[in-house]
Amino acid sequence: MTIYLDSAIISEAQTAKELGWVKGITTNPTLLSKTDLPVETTLKELAKLTNGPVFYQLISSELDEMVKEGRKAFEIIGYQTVLKIPATIVGFQAVTRLSPEINCSVTAIYSPAQAAVAKEAGAKYAIAYVNRATKLLGDGIALVREMASVLANSSTEILAASIKSPEEAAASLQAGAHHLTLPLSMLQAMATDRLSLQTVEDFNKNGRGISY
């Protein structure tokens, strides 16, 4: 299991790095639009702040242009690159073209059938928008479970995105997601529980430790 930061804000990536247990960064066109830096600069800076993958989502819609954009992203980010390619007919074609040379993920999957196509196209990751799928389909966790069944014993792993609570994050993992990507606020929320804080306070109030 790997947990990623879902952000293109440099200061948030720095904070996530300091947490120590966040192992990569995912971006998308909307997240990249929230920074005033040029996209190339943002991607280069994000890559400096993690030893793990940096996900970049293609915005081109024609096959040849998608291939060119994917290769350009690799020139910018380097070996850390994971391309996010939309789950469309042309997108799957692009995955087939690009996956032999660059790690690819298929994003915005809303059916287990699309997950199967992602696997056959050579995608390393299949991305499910869990909370959005709940709103659109009724049960995003069920989608993750169905994807996990289709992808069992394959090399394509499920990345759960659009997570709105620690409970939804845990449920996604229990349903078969291999990885999570979360905004900074959710990363912090996952590490915090009021009962943990109360327990620590009780120990510290009544206990003793070493002097330094």
C-alpha atoms as a PDB file:
ATOM      1  CA  MET A   1       0.000   0.000   0.000  1.00  0.00           C
ATOM      2  CA  THR A   2       1.157   3.502  -0.843  1.00  0.00           C
ATOM      3  CA  ILE A   3      -0.355   6.839   0.125  1.00  0.00           C
ATOM      4  CA  TYR A   4       0.053   9.828  -2.180  1.00  0.00           C
ATOM      5  CA  LEU A   5      -0.611  13.543  -1.890  1.00  0.00           C
ATOM      6  CA  ASP A   6      -3.240  14.825  -4.315  1.00  0.00           C
ATOM      7  CA  SER A   7      -2.095  18.398  -4.925  1.00  0.00           C
ATOM      8  CA  ALA A   8       0.000  20.649  -7.150  1.00  0.00           C
ATOM      9  CA  ILE A   9       0.705  23.243  -4.442  1.00  0.00           C
ATOM     10  CA  ILE A  10       4.429  23.303  -3.663  1.00  0.00           C
ATOM     11  CA  SER A  11       3.969  24.236   0.003  1.00  0.00           C
ATOM     12  CA  GLU A  12       1.573  21.321   0.473  1.00  0.00           C
ATOM     13  CA  ALA A  13       4.060  18.958  -1.152  1.00  0.00           C
ATOM     14  CA  GLN A  14       6.720  20.214   1.254  1.00  0.00           C
ATOM     15  CA  THR A  15       4.428  19.562   4.216  1.00  0.00           C
ATOM     16  CA  ALA A  16       3.623  16.089   2.901  1.00  0.00           C
ATOM     17  CA  LYS A  17       7.335  15.361   2.528  1.00  0.00           C
ATOM     18  CA  GLU A  18       7.874  16.311   6.165  1.00  0.00           C
ATOM     19  CA  LEU A  19       5.190  13.829   7.238  1.00  0.00           C
ATOM     20  CA  GLY A  20       7.558  11.115   6.046  1.00  0.00           C
ATOM     21  CA  TRP A  21       4.983   8.500   5.059  1.00  0.00           C
ATOM     22  CA  VAL A  22       3.583  10.118   1.896  1.00  0.00           C
ATOM     23  CA  LYS A  23       5.291   8.400  -1.030  1.00  0.00           C
ATOM     24  CA  GLY A  24       4.335  10.342  -4.149  1.00  0.00           C
ATOM     25  CA  ILE A  25       2.197  13.103  -5.657  1.00  0.00           C
ATOM     26  CA  THR A  26      -0.786  13.023  -7.996  1.00  0.00           C
ATOM     27  CA  THR A  27      -1.924  16.022 -10.014  1.00  0.00           C
ATOM     28  CA  ASN A  28      -4.646  16.792 -12.508  1.00  0.00           C
ATOM     29  CA  PRO A  29      -5.475  19.795 -14.714  1.00  0.00           C
ATOM     30  CA  THR A  30      -7.707  21.353 -12.051  1.00  0.00           C
ATOM     31  CA  LEU A  31      -5.030  21.064  -9.367  1.00  0.00           C
ATOM     32  CA  LEU A  32      -2.387  22.493 -11.687  1.00  0.00           C
ATOM     33  CA  SER A  33      -4.635  25.484 -12.378  1.00  0.00           C
ATOM     34  CA  LYS A  34      -4.523  26.407  -8.672  1.00  0.00           C
ATOM     35  CA  THR A  35      -0.879  27.479  -8.830  1.00  0.00           C
ATOM     36  CA  ASP A  36       0.444  30.567 -10.590  1.00  0.00           C
ATOM     37  CA  LEU A  37       3.640  28.782 -11.592  1.00  0.00           C
ATOM     38  CA  PRO A  38       4.071  27.440 -15.141  1.00  0.00           C
ATOM     39  CA  VAL A  39       3.081  23.785 -15.343  1.00  0.00           C
ATOM     40  CA  GLU A  40       6.610  22.675 -16.238  1.00  0.00           C
ATOM     41  CA  THR A  41       8.035  24.500 -13.213  1.00  0.00           C
ATOM     42  CA  THR A  42       5.408  23.007 -10.915  1.00  0.00           C
ATOM     43  CA  LEU A  43       6.082  19.479 -12.088  1.00  0.00           C
ATOM     44  CA  LYS A  44       9.841  19.873 -11.719  1.00  0.00           C
ATOM     45  CA  GLU A  45       9.475  21.267  -8.197  1.00  0.00           C
ATOM     46  CA  LEU A  46       7.065  18.525  -7.164  1.00  0.00           C
ATOM     47  CA  ALA A  47       9.502  15.891  -8.433  1.00  0.00           C
ATOM     48  CA  LYS A  48      12.197  17.367  -6.188  1.00  0.00           C
ATOM     49  CA  LEU A  49       9.962  16.959  -3.146  1.00  0.00           C
ATOM     50  CA  THR A  50       9.371  13.221  -3.443  1.00  0.00           C
ATOM     51  CA  ASN A  51      11.361  10.139  -4.271  1.00  0.00           C
ATOM     52  CA  GLY A  52       8.193   8.519  -5.536  1.00  0.00           C
ATOM     53  CA  PRO A  53       6.022   8.951  -8.602  1.00  0.00           C
ATOM     54  CA  VAL A  54       4.578  12.221  -9.853  1.00  0.00           C
ATOM     55  CA  PHE A  55       1.339  11.733 -11.772  1.00  0.00           C
ATOM     56  CA  TYR A  56       0.530  14.032 -14.689  1.00  0.00           C
ATOM     57  CA  GLN A  57      -2.832  13.935 -16.494  1.00  0.00           C
ATOM     58  CA  LEU A  58      -2.952  14.369 -20.250  1.00  0.00           C
ATOM     59  CA  ILE A  59      -5.278  17.079 -21.554  1.00  0.00           C
ATOM     60  CA  SER A  60      -4.949  16.334 -25.276  1.00  0.00           C
ATOM     61  CA  SER A  61      -7.824  14.470 -26.898  1.00  0.00           C
ATOM     62  CA  GLU A  62      -6.308  13.248 -30.196  1.00  0.00           C
ATOM     63  CA  LEU A  63      -4.145  10.123 -30.116  1.00  0.00           C
ATOM     64  CA  ASP A  64      -1.001  11.536 -31.678  1.00  0.00           C
ATOM     65  CA  GLU A  65      -1.191  14.639 -29.511  1.00  0.00           C
ATOM     66  CA  MET A  66      -1.676  12.523 -26.379  1.00  0.00           C
ATOM     67  CA  VAL A  67       1.435  10.530 -27.225  1.00  0.00           C
ATOM     68  CA  LYS A  68       3.428  13.737 -27.787  1.00  0.00           C
ATOM     69  CA  GLU A  69       2.146  15.239 -24.522  1.00  0.00           C
ATOM     70  CA  GLY A  70       2.965  12.087 -22.589  1.00  0.00           C
ATOM     71  CA  ARG A  71       6.521  12.037 -23.893  1.00  0.00           C
ATOM     72  CA  LYS A  72       6.902  15.737 -23.108  1.00  0.00           C
ATOM     73  CA  ALA A  73       5.776  15.092 -19.537  1.00  0.00           C
ATOM     74  CA  PHE A  74       8.422  12.388 -19.266  1.00  0.00           C
ATOM     75  CA  GLU A  75      11.069  14.851 -20.476  1.00  0.00           C
ATOM     76  CA  ILE A  76      10.045  17.217 -17.663  1.00  0.00           C
ATOM     77  CA  ILE A  77       9.531  14.787 -14.771  1.00  0.00           C
ATOM     78  CA  GLY A  78      11.866  11.956 -15.730  1.00  0.00           C
ATOM     79  CA  TYR A  79      11.789   8.444 -14.310  1.00  0.00           C
ATOM     80  CA  GLN A  80       9.229   9.455 -11.673  1.00  0.00           C
ATOM     81  CA  THR A  81       6.575  10.047 -14.318  1.00  0.00           C
ATOM     82  CA  VAL A  82       3.224   8.306 -14.211  1.00  0.00           C
ATOM     83  CA  LEU A  83       0.844   9.466 -16.916  1.00  0.00           C
ATOM     84  CA  LYS A  84      -2.837   9.746 -16.063  1.00  0.00           C
ATOM     85  CA  ILE A  85      -4.833   8.952 -19.179  1.00  0.00           C
ATOM     86  CA  PRO A  86      -8.644   9.207 -19.285  1.00  0.00           C
ATOM     87  CA  ALA A  87     -10.735   6.066 -19.622  1.00  0.00           C
ATOM     88  CA  THR A  88     -11.924   6.672 -23.198  1.00  0.00           C
ATOM     89  CA  ILE A  89     -11.467   4.708 -26.403  1.00  0.00           C
ATOM     90  CA  VAL A  90      -8.718   7.070 -27.523  1.00  0.00           C
ATOM     91  CA  GLY A  91      -7.276   7.118 -24.019  1.00  0.00           C
ATOM     92  CA  PHE A  92      -6.908   3.348 -23.987  1.00  0.00           C
ATOM     93  CA  GLN A  93      -5.191   3.557 -27.362  1.00  0.00           C
ATOM     94  CA  ALA A  94      -2.757   6.067 -25.887  1.00  0.00           C
ATOM     95  CA  VAL A  95      -2.044   3.744 -22.962  1.00  0.00           C
ATOM     96  CA  THR A  96      -1.230   0.961 -25.400  1.00  0.00           C
ATOM     97  CA  ARG A  97       1.184   3.258 -27.236  1.00  0.00           C
ATOM     98  CA  LEU A  98       2.827   4.824 -24.193  1.00  0.00           C
ATOM     99  CA  SER A  99       2.892   2.097 -21.533  1.00  0.00           C
ATOM    100  CA  PRO A 100       5.897   0.228 -23.024  1.00  0.00           C
ATOM    101  CA  GLU A 101       8.051   3.323 -22.399  1.00  0.00           C
ATOM    102  CA  ILE A 102       6.331   5.300 -19.595  1.00  0.00           C
ATOM    103  CA  ASN A 103       4.317   4.135 -16.576  1.00  0.00           C
ATOM    104  CA  CYS A 104       0.645   4.816 -17.233  1.00  0.00           C
ATOM    105  CA  SER A 105      -2.525   4.968 -15.198  1.00  0.00           C
ATOM    106  CA  VAL A 106      -6.085   5.077 -16.447  1.00  0.00           C
ATOM    107  CA  THR A 107      -8.140   7.687 -14.657  1.00  0.00           C
ATOM    108  CA  ALA A 108     -11.872   8.273 -14.212  1.00  0.00           C
ATOM    109  CA  ILE A 109     -12.808   4.595 -14.318  1.00  0.00           C
ATOM    110  CA  TYR A 110     -16.460   3.993 -13.505  1.00  0.00           C
ATOM    111  CA  SER A 111     -16.914   0.335 -14.386  1.00  0.00           C
ATOM    112  CA  PRO A 112     -15.057  -2.937 -13.837  1.00  0.00           C
ATOM    113  CA  ALA A 113     -15.136  -3.443 -17.610  1.00  0.00           C
ATOM    114  CA  GLN A 114     -13.011  -0.315 -18.057  1.00  0.00           C
ATOM    115  CA  ALA A 115     -10.606  -1.671 -15.436  1.00  0.00           C
ATOM    116  CA  ALA A 116     -10.246  -4.828 -17.523  1.00  0.00           C
ATOM    117  CA  VAL A 117      -9.445  -2.773 -20.623  1.00  0.00           C
ATOM    118  CA  ALA A 118      -6.902  -0.742 -18.622  1.00  0.00           C
ATOM    119  CA  LYS A 119      -5.157  -3.969 -17.674  1.00  0.00           C
ATOM    120  CA  GLU A 120      -5.056  -5.216 -21.257  1.00  0.00           C
ATOM    121  CA  ALA A 121      -3.768  -1.853 -22.481  1.00  0.00           C
ATOM    122  CA  GLY A 122      -0.810  -2.111 -20.113  1.00  0.00           C
ATOM    123  CA  ALA A 123      -1.738   0.367 -17.380  1.00  0.00           C
ATOM    124  CA  LYS A 124       0.162   0.120 -14.112  1.00  0.00           C
ATOM    125  CA  TYR A 125      -2.687   1.768 -12.187  1.00  0.00           C
ATOM    126  CA  ALA A 126      -6.458   1.906 -12.534  1.00  0.00           C
ATOM    127  CA  ILE A 127      -7.868   4.976 -10.790  1.00  0.00           C
ATOM    128  CA  ALA A 128     -11.315   5.019  -9.200  1.00  0.00           C
ATOM    129  CA  TYR A 129     -12.932   8.259  -8.017  1.00  0.00           C
ATOM    130  CA  VAL A 130     -14.603   6.762  -4.988  1.00  0.00           C
ATOM    131  CA  ASN A 131     -16.724   9.585  -3.617  1.00  0.00           C
ATOM    132  CA  ARG A 132     -17.647  10.844  -7.067  1.00  0.00           C
ATOM    133  CA  ALA A 133     -18.666   7.315  -8.042  1.00  0.00           C
ATOM    134  CA  THR A 134     -20.857   7.137  -4.955  1.00  0.00           C
ATOM    135  CA  LYS A 135     -22.608  10.315  -6.057  1.00  0.00           C
ATOM    136  CA  LEU A 136     -23.002   9.149  -9.669  1.00  0.00           C
ATOM    137  CA  LEU A 137     -23.465   5.401  -9.269  1.00  0.00           C
ATOM    138  CA  GLY A 138     -24.603   4.983  -5.682  1.00  0.00           C
ATOM    139  CA  ASP A 139     -21.642   3.084  -4.204  1.00  0.00           C
ATOM    140  CA  GLY A 140     -18.026   3.963  -4.940  1.00  0.00           C
ATOM    141  CA  ILE A 141     -16.722   1.317  -2.552  1.00  0.00           C
ATOM    142  CA  ALA A 142     -18.614  -1.350  -4.501  1.00  0.00           C
ATOM    143  CA  LEU A 143     -16.887  -0.090  -7.663  1.00  0.00           C
ATOM    144  CA  VAL A 144     -13.484  -0.577  -6.032  1.00  0.00           C
ATOM    145  CA  ARG A 145     -14.497  -4.079  -4.939  1.00  0.00           C
ATOM    146  CA  GLU A 146     -15.638  -4.995  -8.454  1.00  0.00           C
ATOM    147  CA  MET A 147     -12.447  -3.584  -9.966  1.00  0.00           C
ATOM    148  CA  ALA A 148     -10.378  -5.596  -7.492  1.00  0.00           C
ATOM    149  CA  SER A 149     -12.148  -8.777  -8.584  1.00  0.00           C
ATOM    150  CA  VAL A 150     -11.476  -8.079 -12.259  1.00  0.00           C
ATOM    151  CA  LEU A 151      -7.834  -7.137 -11.662  1.00  0.00           C
ATOM    152  CA  ALA A 152      -7.012  -9.981  -9.261  1.00  0.00           C
ATOM    153  CA  ASN A 153      -3.699 -11.708 -10.051  1.00  0.00           C
ATOM    154  CA  SER A 154      -2.735  -9.006 -12.544  1.00  0.00           C
ATOM    155  CA  SER A 155      -0.003  -6.366 -12.391  1.00  0.00           C
ATOM    156  CA  THR A 156      -2.510  -3.486 -12.616  1.00  0.00           C
ATOM    157  CA  GLU A 157      -3.121  -1.894  -9.222  1.00  0.00           C
ATOM    158  CA  ILE A 158      -6.056   0.177  -7.998  1.00  0.00           C
ATOM    159  CA  LEU A 159      -5.479   3.763  -6.916  1.00  0.00           C
ATOM    160  CA  ALA A 160      -8.431   5.177  -5.005  1.00  0.00           C
ATOM    161  CA  ALA A 161      -8.986   8.926  -5.392  1.00  0.00           C
ATOM    162  CA  SER A 162     -11.794  11.338  -4.505  1.00  0.00           C
ATOM    163  CA  ILE A 163     -11.706  10.322  -0.851  1.00  0.00           C
ATOM    164  CA  LYS A 164     -13.674  12.537   1.523  1.00  0.00           C
ATOM    165  CA  SER A 165     -13.157  10.935   4.937  1.00  0.00           C
ATOM    166  CA  PRO A 166     -10.768   8.608   6.804  1.00  0.00           C
ATOM    167  CA  GLU A 167     -13.569   6.065   6.898  1.00  0.00           C
ATOM    168  CA  GLU A 168     -13.916   6.160   3.121  1.00  0.00           C
ATOM    169  CA  ALA A 169     -10.143   5.784   2.790  1.00  0.00           C
ATOM    170  CA  ALA A 170     -10.096   2.695   5.003  1.00  0.00           C
ATOM    171  CA  ALA A 171     -13.148   1.231   3.257  1.00  0.00           C
ATOM    172  CA  SER A 172     -11.426   1.661  -0.123  1.00  0.00           C
ATOM    173  CA  LEU A 173      -8.425  -0.319   1.104  1.00  0.00           C
ATOM    174  CA  GLN A 174     -10.669  -2.986   2.607  1.00  0.00           C
ATOM    175  CA  ALA A 175     -12.469  -3.246  -0.747  1.00  0.00           C
ATOM    176  CA  GLY A 176      -9.199  -3.956  -2.538  1.00  0.00           C
ATOM    177  CA  ALA A 177      -7.549  -0.632  -3.399  1.00  0.00           C
ATOM    178  CA  HIS A 178      -3.764  -0.905  -3.389  1.00  0.00           C
ATOM    179  CA  HIS A 179      -3.069   2.822  -3.015  1.00  0.00           C
ATOM    180  CA  LEU A 180      -4.745   6.051  -1.926  1.00  0.00           C
ATOM    181  CA  THR A 181      -4.289   9.632  -3.077  1.00  0.00           C
ATOM    182  CA  LEU A 182      -5.567  12.333  -0.764  1.00  0.00           C
ATOM    183  CA  PRO A 183      -5.485  16.115  -0.343  1.00  0.00           C
ATOM    184  CA  LEU A 184      -3.295  17.371   2.482  1.00  0.00           C
ATOM    185  CA  SER A 185      -6.217  17.951   4.827  1.00  0.00           C
ATOM    186  CA  MET A 186      -7.291  14.322   4.417  1.00  0.00           C
ATOM    187  CA  LEU A 187      -3.756  13.039   4.984  1.00  0.00           C
ATOM    188  CA  GLN A 188      -3.704  14.912   8.266  1.00  0.00           C
ATOM    189  CA  ALA A 189      -7.189  13.708   9.177  1.00  0.00           C
ATOM    190  CA  MET A 190      -6.201  10.082   8.605  1.00  0.00           C
ATOM    191  CA  ALA A 191      -3.410  10.421  11.163  1.00  0.00           C
ATOM    192  CA  THR A 192      -5.597  12.027  13.819  1.00  0.00           C
ATOM    193  CA  ASP A 193      -8.215  10.672  16.203  1.00  0.00           C
ATOM    194  CA  ARG A 194      -9.545  12.455  19.274  1.00  0.00           C
ATOM    195  CA  LEU A 195      -9.300   9.271  21.340  1.00  0.00           C
ATOM    196  CA  SER A 196      -5.609   8.958  20.468  1.00  0.00           C
ATOM    197  CA  LEU A 197      -5.030  12.542  21.540  1.00  0.00           C
ATOM    198  CA  GLN A 198      -6.913  11.974  24.781  1.00  0.00           C
ATOM    199  CA  THR A 199      -4.981   8.789  25.509  1.00  0.00           C
ATOM    200  CA  VAL A 200      -1.633  10.511  24.956  1.00  0.00           C
ATOM    201  CA  GLU A 201      -2.710  13.366  27.196  1.00  0.00           C
ATOM    202  CA  ASP A 202      -3.652  10.909  29.950  1.00  0.00           C
ATOM    203  CA  PHE A 203      -0.286   9.128  29.743  1.00  0.00           C
ATOM    204  CA  ASN A 204       1.666  12.373  29.757  1.00  0.00           C
ATOM    205  CA  LYS A 205      -0.310  13.808  32.647  1.00  0.00           C
ATOM    206  CA  ASN A 206       0.230  10.820  34.947  1.00  0.00           C
ATOM    207  CA  GLY A 207       3.472   9.285  33.675  1.00  0.00           C
ATOM    208  CA  ARG A 208       7.215   9.857  33.582  1.00  0.00           C
ATOM    209  CA  GLY A 209       9.850   9.735  30.822  1.00  0.00           C
ATOM    210  CA  ILE A 210      13.549  10.339  30.273  1.00  0.00           C
ATOM    211  CA  SER A 211      15.107  13.759  30.735  1.00  0.00           C
ATOM    212  CA  TYR A 212      17.033  15.364  27.879  1.00  0.00           C
END
